């Protein structure tokens, strides 16, 4: 299955169903995991030390969700995501570790953002 088709299928899940925060989070998570695994294969396995409980793709997904919901405050936005999406992101690290990992993944986030704009059709109105 080709990557563009897969991503467009995920986007259609948002178009065809009511948008709750949980539904958007699950679709963002699928998109992020697909793109992260494509552009950074085995990145977590190459990192020294033990792998964190929360995958990098989930850290990136939560960062994008914070942008999507327009949360300016890292603290209140993180609390909201942690409370409302506990079942989607059961292993989120504590807030300061989350923010540190999010900053460390900023380059990966930008690479994925560019890839996403390349793969999705220009007329896609989510």
PDB file of N, CA and C in Angstrom:
ATOM      1  N   UNK A   1       0.856  -1.178   0.000  1.00  0.00           N
ATOM      2  CA  UNK A   1       0.000   0.000   0.000  1.00  0.00           C
ATOM      3  C   UNK A   1       0.898   1.235   0.000  1.00  0.00           C
ATOM      4  N   UNK A   2       0.584   2.201  -0.820  1.00  0.00           N
ATOM      5  CA  UNK A   2       1.456   3.365  -0.916  1.00  0.00           C
ATOM      6  C   UNK A   2       1.134   4.398   0.163  1.00  0.00           C
ATOM      7  N   UNK A   3       2.151   5.150   0.546  1.00  0.00           N
ATOM      8  CA  UNK A   3       2.049   6.071   1.676  1.00  0.00           C
ATOM      9  C   UNK A   3       1.006   7.157   1.449  1.00  0.00           C
ATOM     10  N   UNK A   4       0.963   7.704   0.255  1.00  0.00           N
ATOM     11  CA  UNK A   4      -0.002   8.769  -0.020  1.00  0.00           C
ATOM     12  C   UNK A   4      -1.435   8.262   0.141  1.00  0.00           C
ATOM     13  N   UNK A   5      -1.704   7.085  -0.368  1.00  0.00           N
ATOM     14  CA  UNK A   5      -3.039   6.494  -0.231  1.00  0.00           C
ATOM     15  C   UNK A   5      -3.383   6.287   1.245  1.00  0.00           C
ATOM     16  N   UNK A   6      -2.439   5.769   2.003  1.00  0.00           N
ATOM     17  CA  UNK A   6      -2.661   5.528   3.432  1.00  0.00           C
ATOM     18  C   UNK A   6      -2.991   6.820   4.161  1.00  0.00           C
ATOM     19  N   UNK A   7      -2.225   7.869   3.906  1.00  0.00           N
ATOM     20  CA  UNK A   7      -2.458   9.152   4.572  1.00  0.00           C
ATOM     21  C   UNK A   7      -3.807   9.747   4.174  1.00  0.00           C
ATOM     22  N   UNK A   8      -4.153   9.654   2.907  1.00  0.00           N
ATOM     23  CA  UNK A   8      -5.445  10.183   2.464  1.00  0.00           C
ATOM     24  C   UNK A   8      -6.600   9.421   3.103  1.00  0.00           C
ATOM     25  N   UNK A   9      -6.416   8.130   3.295  1.00  0.00           N
ATOM     26  CA  UNK A   9      -7.440   7.324   3.967  1.00  0.00           C
ATOM     27  C   UNK A   9      -7.632   7.790   5.416  1.00  0.00           C
ATOM     28  N   UNK A  10      -6.526   8.116   6.095  1.00  0.00           N
ATOM     29  CA  UNK A  10      -6.626   8.636   7.464  1.00  0.00           C
ATOM     30  C   UNK A  10      -7.362   9.973   7.483  1.00  0.00           C
ATOM     31  N   UNK A  11      -7.063  10.842   6.525  1.00  0.00           N
ATOM     32  CA  UNK A  11      -7.714  12.155   6.461  1.00  0.00           C
ATOM     33  C   UNK A  11      -9.213  11.991   6.234  1.00  0.00           C
ATOM     34  N   UNK A  12      -9.595  11.034   5.409  1.00  0.00           N
ATOM     35  CA  UNK A  12     -11.021  10.791   5.169  1.00  0.00           C
ATOM     36  C   UNK A  12     -11.747  10.384   6.448  1.00  0.00           C
ATOM     37  N   UNK A  13     -11.037   9.755   7.372  1.00  0.00           N
ATOM     38  CA  UNK A  13     -11.657   9.408   8.653  1.00  0.00           C
ATOM     39  C   UNK A  13     -12.096  10.664   9.394  1.00  0.00           C
ATOM     40  N   UNK A  14     -11.360  11.753   9.220  1.00  0.00           N
ATOM     41  CA  UNK A  14     -11.749  13.021   9.852  1.00  0.00           C
ATOM     42  C   UNK A  14     -12.882  13.698   9.096  1.00  0.00           C
ATOM     43  N   UNK A  15     -12.883  13.555   7.785  1.00  0.00           N
ATOM     44  CA  UNK A  15     -13.910  14.220   6.983  1.00  0.00           C
ATOM     45  C   UNK A  15     -15.279  13.583   7.155  1.00  0.00           C
ATOM     46  N   UNK A  16     -15.307  12.274   7.308  1.00  0.00           N
ATOM     47  CA  UNK A  16     -16.565  11.542   7.254  1.00  0.00           C
ATOM     48  C   UNK A  16     -17.215  11.283   8.604  1.00  0.00           C
ATOM     49  N   UNK A  17     -16.604  11.717   9.682  1.00  0.00           N
ATOM     50  CA  UNK A  17     -17.162  11.466  11.006  1.00  0.00           C
ATOM     51  C   UNK A  17     -17.113  12.745  11.830  1.00  0.00           C
ATOM     52  N   UNK A  18     -17.971  12.850  12.849  1.00  0.00           N
ATOM     53  CA  UNK A  18     -17.908  14.026  13.724  1.00  0.00           C
ATOM     54  C   UNK A  18     -16.534  14.112  14.387  1.00  0.00           C
ATOM     55  N   UNK A  19     -16.037  15.327  14.531  1.00  0.00           N
ATOM     56  CA  UNK A  19     -14.690  15.525  15.076  1.00  0.00           C
ATOM     57  C   UNK A  19     -14.720  15.764  16.578  1.00  0.00           C
ATOM     58  N   UNK A  20     -14.448  14.734  17.317  1.00  0.00           N
ATOM     59  CA  UNK A  20     -14.224  14.887  18.747  1.00  0.00           C
ATOM     60  C   UNK A  20     -12.715  14.939  18.956  1.00  0.00           C
ATOM     61  N   UNK A  21     -12.280  15.443  20.086  1.00  0.00           N
ATOM     62  CA  UNK A  21     -10.844  15.505  20.358  1.00  0.00           C
ATOM     63  C   UNK A  21     -10.231  14.110  20.332  1.00  0.00           C
ATOM     64  N   UNK A  22     -10.940  13.130  20.850  1.00  0.00           N
ATOM     65  CA  UNK A  22     -10.416  11.759  20.870  1.00  0.00           C
ATOM     66  C   UNK A  22     -10.270  11.201  19.454  1.00  0.00           C
ATOM     67  N   UNK A  23     -11.250  11.455  18.601  1.00  0.00           N
ATOM     68  CA  UNK A  23     -11.175  10.956  17.220  1.00  0.00           C
ATOM     69  C   UNK A  23     -10.032  11.635  16.466  1.00  0.00           C
ATOM     70  N   UNK A  24      -9.922  12.945  16.620  1.00  0.00           N
ATOM     71  CA  UNK A  24      -8.826  13.677  15.971  1.00  0.00           C
ATOM     72  C   UNK A  24      -7.488  13.152  16.480  1.00  0.00           C
ATOM     73  N   UNK A  25      -7.383  12.910  17.775  1.00  0.00           N
ATOM     74  CA  UNK A  25      -6.132  12.409  18.358  1.00  0.00           C
ATOM     75  C   UNK A  25      -5.760  11.055  17.774  1.00  0.00           C
ATOM     76  N   UNK A  26      -6.736  10.179  17.637  1.00  0.00           N
ATOM     77  CA  UNK A  26      -6.438   8.846  17.086  1.00  0.00           C
ATOM     78  C   UNK A  26      -5.980   8.931  15.626  1.00  0.00           C
ATOM     79  N   UNK A  27      -6.607   9.795  14.845  1.00  0.00           N
ATOM     80  CA  UNK A  27      -6.202   9.951  13.445  1.00  0.00           C
ATOM     81  C   UNK A  27      -4.819  10.598  13.369  1.00  0.00           C
ATOM     82  N   UNK A  28      -4.591  11.661  14.152  1.00  0.00           N
ATOM     83  CA  UNK A  28      -3.258  12.283  14.199  1.00  0.00           C
ATOM     84  C   UNK A  28      -2.205  11.240  14.579  1.00  0.00           C
ATOM     85  N   UNK A  29      -2.544  10.392  15.544  1.00  0.00           N
ATOM     86  CA  UNK A  29      -1.599   9.381  16.012  1.00  0.00           C
ATOM     87  C   UNK A  29      -1.253   8.397  14.889  1.00  0.00           C
ATOM     88  N   UNK A  30      -2.255   7.957  14.135  1.00  0.00           N
ATOM     89  CA  UNK A  30      -2.000   7.045  13.016  1.00  0.00           C
ATOM     90  C   UNK A  30      -1.113   7.706  11.966  1.00  0.00           C
ATOM     91  N   UNK A  31      -1.431   8.958  11.637  1.00  0.00           N
ATOM     92  CA  UNK A  31      -0.638   9.692  10.645  1.00  0.00           C
ATOM     93  C   UNK A  31       0.793   9.849  11.138  1.00  0.00           C
ATOM     94  N   UNK A  32       0.944  10.266  12.388  1.00  0.00           N
ATOM     95  CA  UNK A  32       2.274  10.516  12.928  1.00  0.00           C
ATOM     96  C   UNK A  32       3.097   9.239  12.995  1.00  0.00           C
ATOM     97  N   UNK A  33       2.502   8.163  13.459  1.00  0.00           N
ATOM     98  CA  UNK A  33       3.257   6.902  13.540  1.00  0.00           C
ATOM     99  C   UNK A  33       3.683   6.430  12.155  1.00  0.00           C
ATOM    100  N   UNK A  34       2.798   6.566  11.182  1.00  0.00           N
ATOM    101  CA  UNK A  34       3.133   6.167   9.816  1.00  0.00           C
ATOM    102  C   UNK A  34       4.289   6.994   9.275  1.00  0.00           C
ATOM    103  N   UNK A  35       4.200   8.308   9.412  1.00  0.00           N
ATOM    104  CA  UNK A  35       5.258   9.176   8.886  1.00  0.00           C
ATOM    105  C   UNK A  35       6.556   9.042   9.681  1.00  0.00           C
ATOM    106  N   UNK A  36       6.462   8.919  10.990  1.00  0.00           N
ATOM    107  CA  UNK A  36       7.670   8.782  11.812  1.00  0.00           C
ATOM    108  C   UNK A  36       8.407   7.495  11.448  1.00  0.00           C
ATOM    109  N   UNK A  37       7.669   6.393  11.335  1.00  0.00           N
ATOM    110  CA  UNK A  37       8.300   5.118  10.984  1.00  0.00           C
ATOM    111  C   UNK A  37       8.880   5.142   9.574  1.00  0.00           C
ATOM    112  N   UNK A  38       8.270   5.917   8.681  1.00  0.00           N
ATOM    113  CA  UNK A  38       8.769   6.021   7.310  1.00  0.00           C
ATOM    114  C   UNK A  38      10.038   6.866   7.239  1.00  0.00           C
ATOM    115  N   UNK A  39      10.041   8.006   7.913  1.00  0.00           N
ATOM    116  CA  UNK A  39      11.157   8.947   7.801  1.00  0.00           C
ATOM    117  C   UNK A  39      12.263   8.729   8.827  1.00  0.00           C
ATOM    118  N   UNK A  40      11.962   8.044   9.912  1.00  0.00           N
ATOM    119  CA  UNK A  40      12.963   7.796  10.958  1.00  0.00           C
ATOM    120  C   UNK A  40      12.902   6.334  11.402  1.00  0.00           C
ATOM    121  N   UNK A  41      13.148   5.397  10.467  1.00  0.00           N
ATOM    122  CA  UNK A  41      13.034   3.982  10.836  1.00  0.00           C
ATOM    123  C   UNK A  41      14.049   3.608  11.916  1.00  0.00           C
ATOM    124  N   UNK A  42      13.588   2.899  12.905  1.00  0.00           N
ATOM    125  CA  UNK A  42      14.431   2.403  13.999  1.00  0.00           C
ATOM    126  C   UNK A  42      15.144   3.499  14.783  1.00  0.00           C
ATOM    127  N   UNK A  43      14.657   4.719  14.740  1.00  0.00           N
ATOM    128  CA  UNK A  43      15.322   5.823  15.447  1.00  0.00           C
ATOM    129  C   UNK A  43      15.353   5.575  16.948  1.00  0.00           C
ATOM    130  N   UNK A  44      14.281   5.090  17.508  1.00  0.00           N
ATOM    131  CA  UNK A  44      14.239   4.862  18.953  1.00  0.00           C
ATOM    132  C   UNK A  44      15.172   3.730  19.361  1.00  0.00           C
ATOM    133  N   UNK A  45      15.334   2.728  18.517  1.00  0.00           N
ATOM    134  CA  UNK A  45      16.214   1.602  18.838  1.00  0.00           C
ATOM    135  C   UNK A  45      17.683   2.018  18.827  1.00  0.00           C
ATOM    136  N   UNK A  46      18.024   3.029  18.043  1.00  0.00           N
ATOM    137  CA  UNK A  46      19.417   3.484  17.958  1.00  0.00           C
ATOM    138  C   UNK A  46      19.799   4.425  19.090  1.00  0.00           C
ATOM    139  N   UNK A  47      18.828   4.904  19.841  1.00  0.00           N
ATOM    140  CA  UNK A  47      19.092   5.832  20.937  1.00  0.00           C
ATOM    141  C   UNK A  47      19.760   5.078  22.086  1.00  0.00           C
ATOM    142  N   UNK A  48      20.797   5.680  22.704  1.00  0.00           N
ATOM    143  CA  UNK A  48      21.427   4.990  23.840  1.00  0.00           C
ATOM    144  C   UNK A  48      20.488   4.925  25.044  1.00  0.00           C
ATOM    145  N   UNK A  49      20.701   3.941  25.875  1.00  0.00           N
ATOM    146  CA  UNK A  49      19.864   3.787  27.062  1.00  0.00           C
ATOM    147  C   UNK A  49      18.593   3.030  26.739  1.00  0.00           C
ATOM    148  N   UNK A  50      17.761   2.945  27.737  1.00  0.00           N
ATOM    149  CA  UNK A  50      16.505   2.211  27.529  1.00  0.00           C
ATOM    150  C   UNK A  50      15.507   3.091  26.780  1.00  0.00           C
ATOM    151  N   UNK A  51      14.646   2.445  26.036  1.00  0.00           N
ATOM    152  CA  UNK A  51      13.618   3.186  25.304  1.00  0.00           C
ATOM    153  C   UNK A  51      12.583   3.728  26.282  1.00  0.00           C
ATOM    154  N   UNK A  52      12.138   4.968  26.067  1.00  0.00           N
ATOM    155  CA  UNK A  52      11.096   5.508  26.940  1.00  0.00           C
ATOM    156  C   UNK A  52       9.780   4.756  26.735  1.00  0.00           C
ATOM    157  N   UNK A  53       8.932   4.801  27.753  1.00  0.00           N
ATOM    158  CA  UNK A  53       7.631   4.129  27.659  1.00  0.00           C
ATOM    159  C   UNK A  53       6.744   4.767  26.594  1.00  0.00           C
ATOM    160  N   UNK A  54       6.861   6.071  26.427  1.00  0.00           N
ATOM    161  CA  UNK A  54       6.047   6.805  25.459  1.00  0.00           C
ATOM    162  C   UNK A  54       6.850   6.985  24.168  1.00  0.00           C
ATOM    163  N   UNK A  55       6.356   6.464  23.047  1.00  0.00           N
ATOM    164  CA  UNK A  55       7.100   6.587  21.793  1.00  0.00           C
ATOM    165  C   UNK A  55       7.218   8.040  21.321  1.00  0.00           C
ATOM    166  N   UNK A  56       8.280   8.306  20.561  1.00  0.00           N
ATOM    167  CA  UNK A  56       8.488   9.643  20.002  1.00  0.00           C
ATOM    168  C   UNK A  56       7.284  10.100  19.189  1.00  0.00           C
ATOM    169  N   UNK A  57       6.689   9.182  18.434  1.00  0.00           N
ATOM    170  CA  UNK A  57       5.539   9.552  17.598  1.00  0.00           C
ATOM    171  C   UNK A  57       4.388  10.090  18.447  1.00  0.00           C
ATOM    172  N   UNK A  58       4.208   9.562  19.649  1.00  0.00           N
ATOM    173  CA  UNK A  58       3.143  10.068  20.519  1.00  0.00           C
ATOM    174  C   UNK A  58       3.480  11.450  21.065  1.00  0.00           C
ATOM    175  N   UNK A  59       4.751  11.694  21.366  1.00  0.00           N
ATOM    176  CA  UNK A  59       5.169  13.029  21.814  1.00  0.00           C
ATOM    177  C   UNK A  59       4.877  14.039  20.703  1.00  0.00           C
ATOM    178  N   UNK A  60       5.240  13.678  19.468  1.00  0.00           N
ATOM    179  CA  UNK A  60       4.983  14.563  18.328  1.00  0.00           C
ATOM    180  C   UNK A  60       3.481  14.755  18.113  1.00  0.00           C
ATOM    181  N   UNK A  61       2.718  13.698  18.252  1.00  0.00           N
ATOM    182  CA  UNK A  61       1.265  13.786  18.072  1.00  0.00           C
ATOM    183  C   UNK A  61       0.651  14.744  19.081  1.00  0.00           C
ATOM    184  N   UNK A  62       1.034  14.626  20.333  1.00  0.00           N
ATOM    185  CA  UNK A  62       0.488  15.517  21.363  1.00  0.00           C
ATOM    186  C   UNK A  62       0.902  16.957  21.081  1.00  0.00           C
ATOM    187  N   UNK A  63       2.133  17.163  20.626  1.00  0.00           N
ATOM    188  CA  UNK A  63       2.561  18.513  20.252  1.00  0.00           C
ATOM    189  C   UNK A  63       1.686  19.093  19.156  1.00  0.00           C
ATOM    190  N   UNK A  64       1.368  18.287  18.163  1.00  0.00           N
ATOM    191  CA  UNK A  64       0.499  18.755  17.078  1.00  0.00           C
ATOM    192  C   UNK A  64      -0.919  18.986  17.579  1.00  0.00           C
ATOM    193  N   UNK A  65      -1.388  18.133  18.480  1.00  0.00           N
ATOM    194  CA  UNK A  65      -2.728  18.331  19.044  1.00  0.00           C
ATOM    195  C   UNK A  65      -2.811  19.641  19.817  1.00  0.00           C
ATOM    196  N   UNK A  66      -1.764  19.977  20.551  1.00  0.00           N
ATOM    197  CA  UNK A  66      -1.748  21.245  21.286  1.00  0.00           C
ATOM    198  C   UNK A  66      -1.866  22.416  20.316  1.00  0.00           C
ATOM    199  N   UNK A  67      -1.181  22.320  19.173  1.00  0.00           N
ATOM    200  CA  UNK A  67      -1.317  23.365  18.150  1.00  0.00           C
ATOM    201  C   UNK A  67      -2.731  23.370  17.578  1.00  0.00           C
ATOM    202  N   UNK A  68      -3.279  22.191  17.318  1.00  0.00           N
ATOM    203  CA  UNK A  68      -4.607  22.065  16.720  1.00  0.00           C
ATOM    204  C   UNK A  68      -5.685  22.682  17.604  1.00  0.00           C
ATOM    205  N   UNK A  69      -5.605  22.447  18.915  1.00  0.00           N
ATOM    206  CA  UNK A  69      -6.633  22.978  19.812  1.00  0.00           C
ATOM    207  C   UNK A  69      -6.320  24.404  20.248  1.00  0.00           C
ATOM    208  N   UNK A  70      -5.186  24.929  19.799  1.00  0.00           N
ATOM    209  CA  UNK A  70      -4.855  26.325  20.078  1.00  0.00           C
ATOM    210  C   UNK A  70      -4.481  26.591  21.522  1.00  0.00           C
ATOM    211  N   UNK A  71      -3.874  25.614  22.174  1.00  0.00           N
ATOM    212  CA  UNK A  71      -3.451  25.794  23.566  1.00  0.00           C
ATOM    213  C   UNK A  71      -2.128  26.536  23.594  1.00  0.00           C
ATOM    214  N   UNK A  72      -2.149  27.757  24.098  1.00  0.00           N
ATOM    215  CA  UNK A  72      -0.930  28.546  24.198  1.00  0.00           C
ATOM    216  C   UNK A  72      -0.059  28.085  25.364  1.00  0.00           C
ATOM    217  N   UNK A  73      -0.681  27.745  26.452  1.00  0.00           N
ATOM    218  CA  UNK A  73       0.057  27.350  27.651  1.00  0.00           C
ATOM    219  C   UNK A  73       0.423  25.875  27.576  1.00  0.00           C
ATOM    220  N   UNK A  74       1.719  25.571  27.623  1.00  0.00           N
ATOM    221  CA  UNK A  74       2.134  24.171  27.613  1.00  0.00           C
ATOM    222  C   UNK A  74       1.548  23.434  28.812  1.00  0.00           C
ATOM    223  N   UNK A  75       1.425  24.124  29.923  1.00  0.00           N
ATOM    224  CA  UNK A  75       0.959  23.487  31.150  1.00  0.00           C
ATOM    225  C   UNK A  75      -0.522  23.109  31.068  1.00  0.00           C
ATOM    226  N   UNK A  76      -1.386  24.062  30.752  1.00  0.00           N
ATOM    227  CA  UNK A  76      -2.821  23.755  30.726  1.00  0.00           C
ATOM    228  C   UNK A  76      -3.169  22.835  29.559  1.00  0.00           C
ATOM    229  N   UNK A  77      -2.531  23.020  28.418  1.00  0.00           N
ATOM    230  CA  UNK A  77      -2.785  22.149  27.278  1.00  0.00           C
ATOM    231  C   UNK A  77      -2.381  20.717  27.567  1.00  0.00           C
ATOM    232  N   UNK A  78      -1.226  20.560  28.193  1.00  0.00           N
ATOM    233  CA  UNK A  78      -0.756  19.227  28.546  1.00  0.00           C
ATOM    234  C   UNK A  78      -1.721  18.566  29.531  1.00  0.00           C
ATOM    235  N   UNK A  79      -2.160  19.324  30.535  1.00  0.00           N
ATOM    236  CA  UNK A  79      -3.109  18.778  31.519  1.00  0.00           C
ATOM    237  C   UNK A  79      -4.396  18.324  30.832  1.00  0.00           C
ATOM    238  N   UNK A  80      -4.872  19.127  29.892  1.00  0.00           N
ATOM    239  CA  UNK A  80      -6.110  18.778  29.184  1.00  0.00           C
ATOM    240  C   UNK A  80      -5.934  17.487  28.382  1.00  0.00           C
ATOM    241  N   UNK A  81      -4.837  17.401  27.622  1.00  0.00           N
ATOM    242  CA  UNK A  81      -4.581  16.201  26.818  1.00  0.00           C
ATOM    243  C   UNK A  81      -4.437  14.985  27.734  1.00  0.00           C
ATOM    244  N   UNK A  82      -3.679  15.138  28.789  1.00  0.00           N
ATOM    245  CA  UNK A  82      -3.441  14.023  29.723  1.00  0.00           C
ATOM    246  C   UNK A  82      -4.756  13.542  30.345  1.00  0.00           C
ATOM    247  N   UNK A  83      -5.639  14.472  30.682  1.00  0.00           N
ATOM    248  CA  UNK A  83      -6.911  14.106  31.314  1.00  0.00           C
ATOM    249  C   UNK A  83      -7.905  13.522  30.308  1.00  0.00           C
ATOM    250  N   UNK A  84      -8.080  14.183  29.170  1.00  0.00           N
ATOM    251  CA  UNK A  84      -9.125  13.781  28.219  1.00  0.00           C
ATOM    252  C   UNK A  84      -8.720  12.617  27.326  1.00  0.00           C
ATOM    253  N   UNK A  85      -7.416  12.418  27.139  1.00  0.00           N
ATOM    254  CA  UNK A  85      -6.964  11.399  26.190  1.00  0.00           C
ATOM    255  C   UNK A  85      -6.094  10.337  26.851  1.00  0.00           C
ATOM    256  N   UNK A  86      -6.410  10.024  28.087  1.00  0.00           N
ATOM    257  CA  UNK A  86      -5.633   9.038  28.848  1.00  0.00           C
ATOM    258  C   UNK A  86      -5.613   7.682  28.148  1.00  0.00           C
ATOM    259  N   UNK A  87      -6.715   7.313  27.500  1.00  0.00           N
ATOM    260  CA  UNK A  87      -6.767   6.012  26.826  1.00  0.00           C
ATOM    261  C   UNK A  87      -5.994   6.016  25.508  1.00  0.00           C
ATOM    262  N   UNK A  88      -5.857   7.172  24.878  1.00  0.00           N
ATOM    263  CA  UNK A  88      -5.120   7.270  23.612  1.00  0.00           C
ATOM    264  C   UNK A  88      -3.616   7.332  23.880  1.00  0.00           C
ATOM    265  N   UNK A  89      -3.227   8.060  24.914  1.00  0.00           N
ATOM    266  CA  UNK A  89      -1.813   8.243  25.271  1.00  0.00           C
ATOM    267  C   UNK A  89      -1.599   7.810  26.730  1.00  0.00           C
ATOM    268  N   UNK A  90      -1.627   6.505  26.997  1.00  0.00           N
ATOM    269  CA  UNK A  90      -1.565   6.048  28.391  1.00  0.00           C
ATOM    270  C   UNK A  90      -0.204   6.233  29.057  1.00  0.00           C
ATOM    271  N   UNK A  91       0.848   6.423  28.284  1.00  0.00           N
ATOM    272  CA  UNK A  91       2.182   6.469  28.889  1.00  0.00           C
ATOM    273  C   UNK A  91       2.891   7.809  28.686  1.00  0.00           C
ATOM    274  N   UNK A  92       2.131   8.895  28.628  1.00  0.00           N
ATOM    275  CA  UNK A  92       2.769  10.208  28.498  1.00  0.00           C
ATOM    276  C   UNK A  92       3.664  10.470  29.706  1.00  0.00           C
ATOM    277  N   UNK A  93       4.862  10.995  29.465  1.00  0.00           N
ATOM    278  CA  UNK A  93       5.738  11.303  30.602  1.00  0.00           C
ATOM    279  C   UNK A  93       5.236  12.530  31.353  1.00  0.00           C
ATOM    280  N   UNK A  94       5.839  12.799  32.509  1.00  0.00           N
ATOM    281  CA  UNK A  94       5.456  14.001  33.245  1.00  0.00           C
ATOM    282  C   UNK A  94       5.771  15.226  32.387  1.00  0.00           C
ATOM    283  N   UNK A  95       5.141  16.336  32.702  1.00  0.00           N
ATOM    284  CA  UNK A  95       5.122  17.513  31.842  1.00  0.00           C
ATOM    285  C   UNK A  95       6.512  18.031  31.463  1.00  0.00           C
ATOM    286  N   UNK A  96       7.428  18.160  32.403  1.00  0.00           N
ATOM    287  CA  UNK A  96       8.741  18.722  32.061  1.00  0.00           C
ATOM    288  C   UNK A  96       9.514  17.794  31.126  1.00  0.00           C
ATOM    289  N   UNK A  97       9.411  16.488  31.341  1.00  0.00           N
ATOM    290  CA  UNK A  97      10.078  15.538  30.442  1.00  0.00           C
ATOM    291  C   UNK A  97       9.415  15.563  29.066  1.00  0.00           C
ATOM    292  N   UNK A  98       8.082  15.674  29.039  1.00  0.00           N
ATOM    293  CA  UNK A  98       7.367  15.788  27.765  1.00  0.00           C
ATOM    294  C   UNK A  98       7.857  17.014  26.989  1.00  0.00           C
ATOM    295  N   UNK A  99       7.928  18.168  27.658  1.00  0.00           N
ATOM    296  CA  UNK A  99       8.358  19.399  26.986  1.00  0.00           C
ATOM    297  C   UNK A  99       9.792  19.290  26.478  1.00  0.00           C
ATOM    298  N   UNK A 100      10.670  18.656  27.251  1.00  0.00           N
ATOM    299  CA  UNK A 100      12.063  18.472  26.821  1.00  0.00           C
ATOM    300  C   UNK A 100      12.123  17.581  25.588  1.00  0.00           C
ATOM    301  N   UNK A 101      11.411  16.471  25.609  1.00  0.00           N
ATOM    302  CA  UNK A 101      11.414  15.567  24.452  1.00  0.00           C
ATOM    303  C   UNK A 101      10.789  16.246  23.242  1.00  0.00           C
ATOM    304  N   UNK A 102       9.741  17.010  23.463  1.00  0.00           N
ATOM    305  CA  UNK A 102       9.097  17.732  22.358  1.00  0.00           C
ATOM    306  C   UNK A 102      10.081  18.704  21.710  1.00  0.00           C
ATOM    307  N   UNK A 103      10.818  19.443  22.518  1.00  0.00           N
ATOM    308  CA  UNK A 103      11.834  20.360  21.963  1.00  0.00           C
ATOM    309  C   UNK A 103      12.911  19.585  21.210  1.00  0.00           C
ATOM    310  N   UNK A 104      13.356  18.467  21.763  1.00  0.00           N
ATOM    311  CA  UNK A 104      14.383  17.659  21.102  1.00  0.00           C
ATOM    312  C   UNK A 104      13.894  17.062  19.785  1.00  0.00           C
ATOM    313  N   UNK A 105      12.599  16.908  19.644  1.00  0.00           N
ATOM    314  CA  UNK A 105      12.019  16.337  18.425  1.00  0.00           C
ATOM    315  C   UNK A 105      11.534  17.403  17.442  1.00  0.00           C
ATOM    316  N   UNK A 106      11.883  18.654  17.668  1.00  0.00           N
ATOM    317  CA  UNK A 106      11.372  19.731  16.806  1.00  0.00           C
ATOM    318  C   UNK A 106      11.818  19.567  15.353  1.00  0.00           C
ATOM    319  N   UNK A 107      13.039  19.098  15.122  1.00  0.00           N
ATOM    320  CA  UNK A 107      13.497  18.878  13.745  1.00  0.00           C
ATOM    321  C   UNK A 107      12.687  17.758  13.093  1.00  0.00           C
ATOM    322  N   UNK A 108      12.454  16.690  13.824  1.00  0.00           N
ATOM    323  CA  UNK A 108      11.642  15.589  13.296  1.00  0.00           C
ATOM    324  C   UNK A 108      10.231  16.069  12.987  1.00  0.00           C
ATOM    325  N   UNK A 109       9.689  16.909  13.847  1.00  0.00           N
ATOM    326  CA  UNK A 109       8.347  17.451  13.622  1.00  0.00           C
ATOM    327  C   UNK A 109       8.293  18.248  12.325  1.00  0.00           C
ATOM    328  N   UNK A 110       9.315  19.034  12.078  1.00  0.00           N
ATOM    329  CA  UNK A 110       9.348  19.844  10.852  1.00  0.00           C
ATOM    330  C   UNK A 110       9.495  18.959   9.611  1.00  0.00           C
ATOM    331  N   UNK A 111      10.330  17.935   9.685  1.00  0.00           N
ATOM    332  CA  UNK A 111      10.482  16.998   8.562  1.00  0.00           C
ATOM    333  C   UNK A 111       9.138  16.337   8.259  1.00  0.00           C
ATOM    334  N   UNK A 112       8.437  15.921   9.289  1.00  0.00           N
ATOM    335  CA  UNK A 112       7.145  15.255   9.108  1.00  0.00           C
ATOM    336  C   UNK A 112       6.099  16.234   8.589  1.00  0.00           C
ATOM    337  N   UNK A 113       6.130  17.452   9.072  1.00  0.00           N
ATOM    338  CA  UNK A 113       5.183  18.472   8.586  1.00  0.00           C
ATOM    339  C   UNK A 113       5.371  18.693   7.076  1.00  0.00           C
ATOM    340  N   UNK A 114       6.616  18.807   6.642  1.00  0.00           N
ATOM    341  CA  UNK A 114       6.895  18.988   5.202  1.00  0.00           C
ATOM    342  C   UNK A 114       6.457  17.770   4.401  1.00  0.00           C
ATOM    343  N   UNK A 115       6.730  16.590   4.927  1.00  0.00           N
ATOM    344  CA  UNK A 115       6.323  15.365   4.233  1.00  0.00           C
ATOM    345  C   UNK A 115       4.808  15.297   4.113  1.00  0.00           C
ATOM    346  N   UNK A 116       4.127  15.660   5.166  1.00  0.00           N
ATOM    347  CA  UNK A 116       2.665  15.617   5.159  1.00  0.00           C
ATOM    348  C   UNK A 116       2.095  16.565   4.112  1.00  0.00           C
ATOM    349  N   UNK A 117       2.640  17.762   4.007  1.00  0.00           N
ATOM    350  CA  UNK A 117       2.141  18.700   2.996  1.00  0.00           C
ATOM    351  C   UNK A 117       2.433  18.185   1.587  1.00  0.00           C
ATOM    352  N   UNK A 118       3.489  17.415   1.444  1.00  0.00           N
ATOM    353  CA  UNK A 118       3.817  16.839   0.134  1.00  0.00           C
ATOM    354  C   UNK A 118       2.833  15.723  -0.238  1.00  0.00           C
ATOM    355  N   UNK A 119       2.454  14.898   0.732  1.00  0.00           N
ATOM    356  CA  UNK A 119       1.634  13.725   0.445  1.00  0.00           C
ATOM    357  C   UNK A 119       0.144  14.004   0.336  1.00  0.00           C
ATOM    358  N   UNK A 120      -0.338  15.025   1.021  1.00  0.00           N
ATOM    359  CA  UNK A 120      -1.779  15.278   1.004  1.00  0.00           C
ATOM    360  C   UNK A 120      -2.165  16.172  -0.165  1.00  0.00           C
ATOM    361  N   UNK A 121      -3.353  15.974  -0.719  1.00  0.00           N
ATOM    362  CA  UNK A 121      -3.776  16.813  -1.847  1.00  0.00           C
ATOM    363  C   UNK A 121      -3.959  18.263  -1.405  1.00  0.00           C
ATOM    364  N   UNK A 122      -3.727  19.178  -2.325  1.00  0.00           N
ATOM    365  CA  UNK A 122      -3.804  20.614  -2.014  1.00  0.00           C
ATOM    366  C   UNK A 122      -5.222  21.056  -1.666  1.00  0.00           C
ATOM    367  N   UNK A 123      -6.239  20.400  -2.201  1.00  0.00           N
ATOM    368  CA  UNK A 123      -7.623  20.799  -1.958  1.00  0.00           C
ATOM    369  C   UNK A 123      -8.196  20.192  -0.685  1.00  0.00           C
ATOM    370  N   UNK A 124      -7.442  19.438   0.041  1.00  0.00           N
ATOM    371  CA  UNK A 124      -7.957  18.765   1.231  1.00  0.00           C
ATOM    372  C   UNK A 124      -8.319  19.772   2.314  1.00  0.00           C
ATOM    373  N   UNK A 125      -9.601  19.859   2.626  1.00  0.00           N
ATOM    374  CA  UNK A 125     -10.079  20.745   3.688  1.00  0.00           C
ATOM    375  C   UNK A 125     -10.526  19.874   4.851  1.00  0.00           C
ATOM    376  N   UNK A 126      -9.709  19.805   5.856  1.00  0.00           N
ATOM    377  CA  UNK A 126     -10.006  18.940   7.001  1.00  0.00           C
ATOM    378  C   UNK A 126     -10.873  19.690   7.968  1.00  0.00           C
TER     379      UNK A 126
END
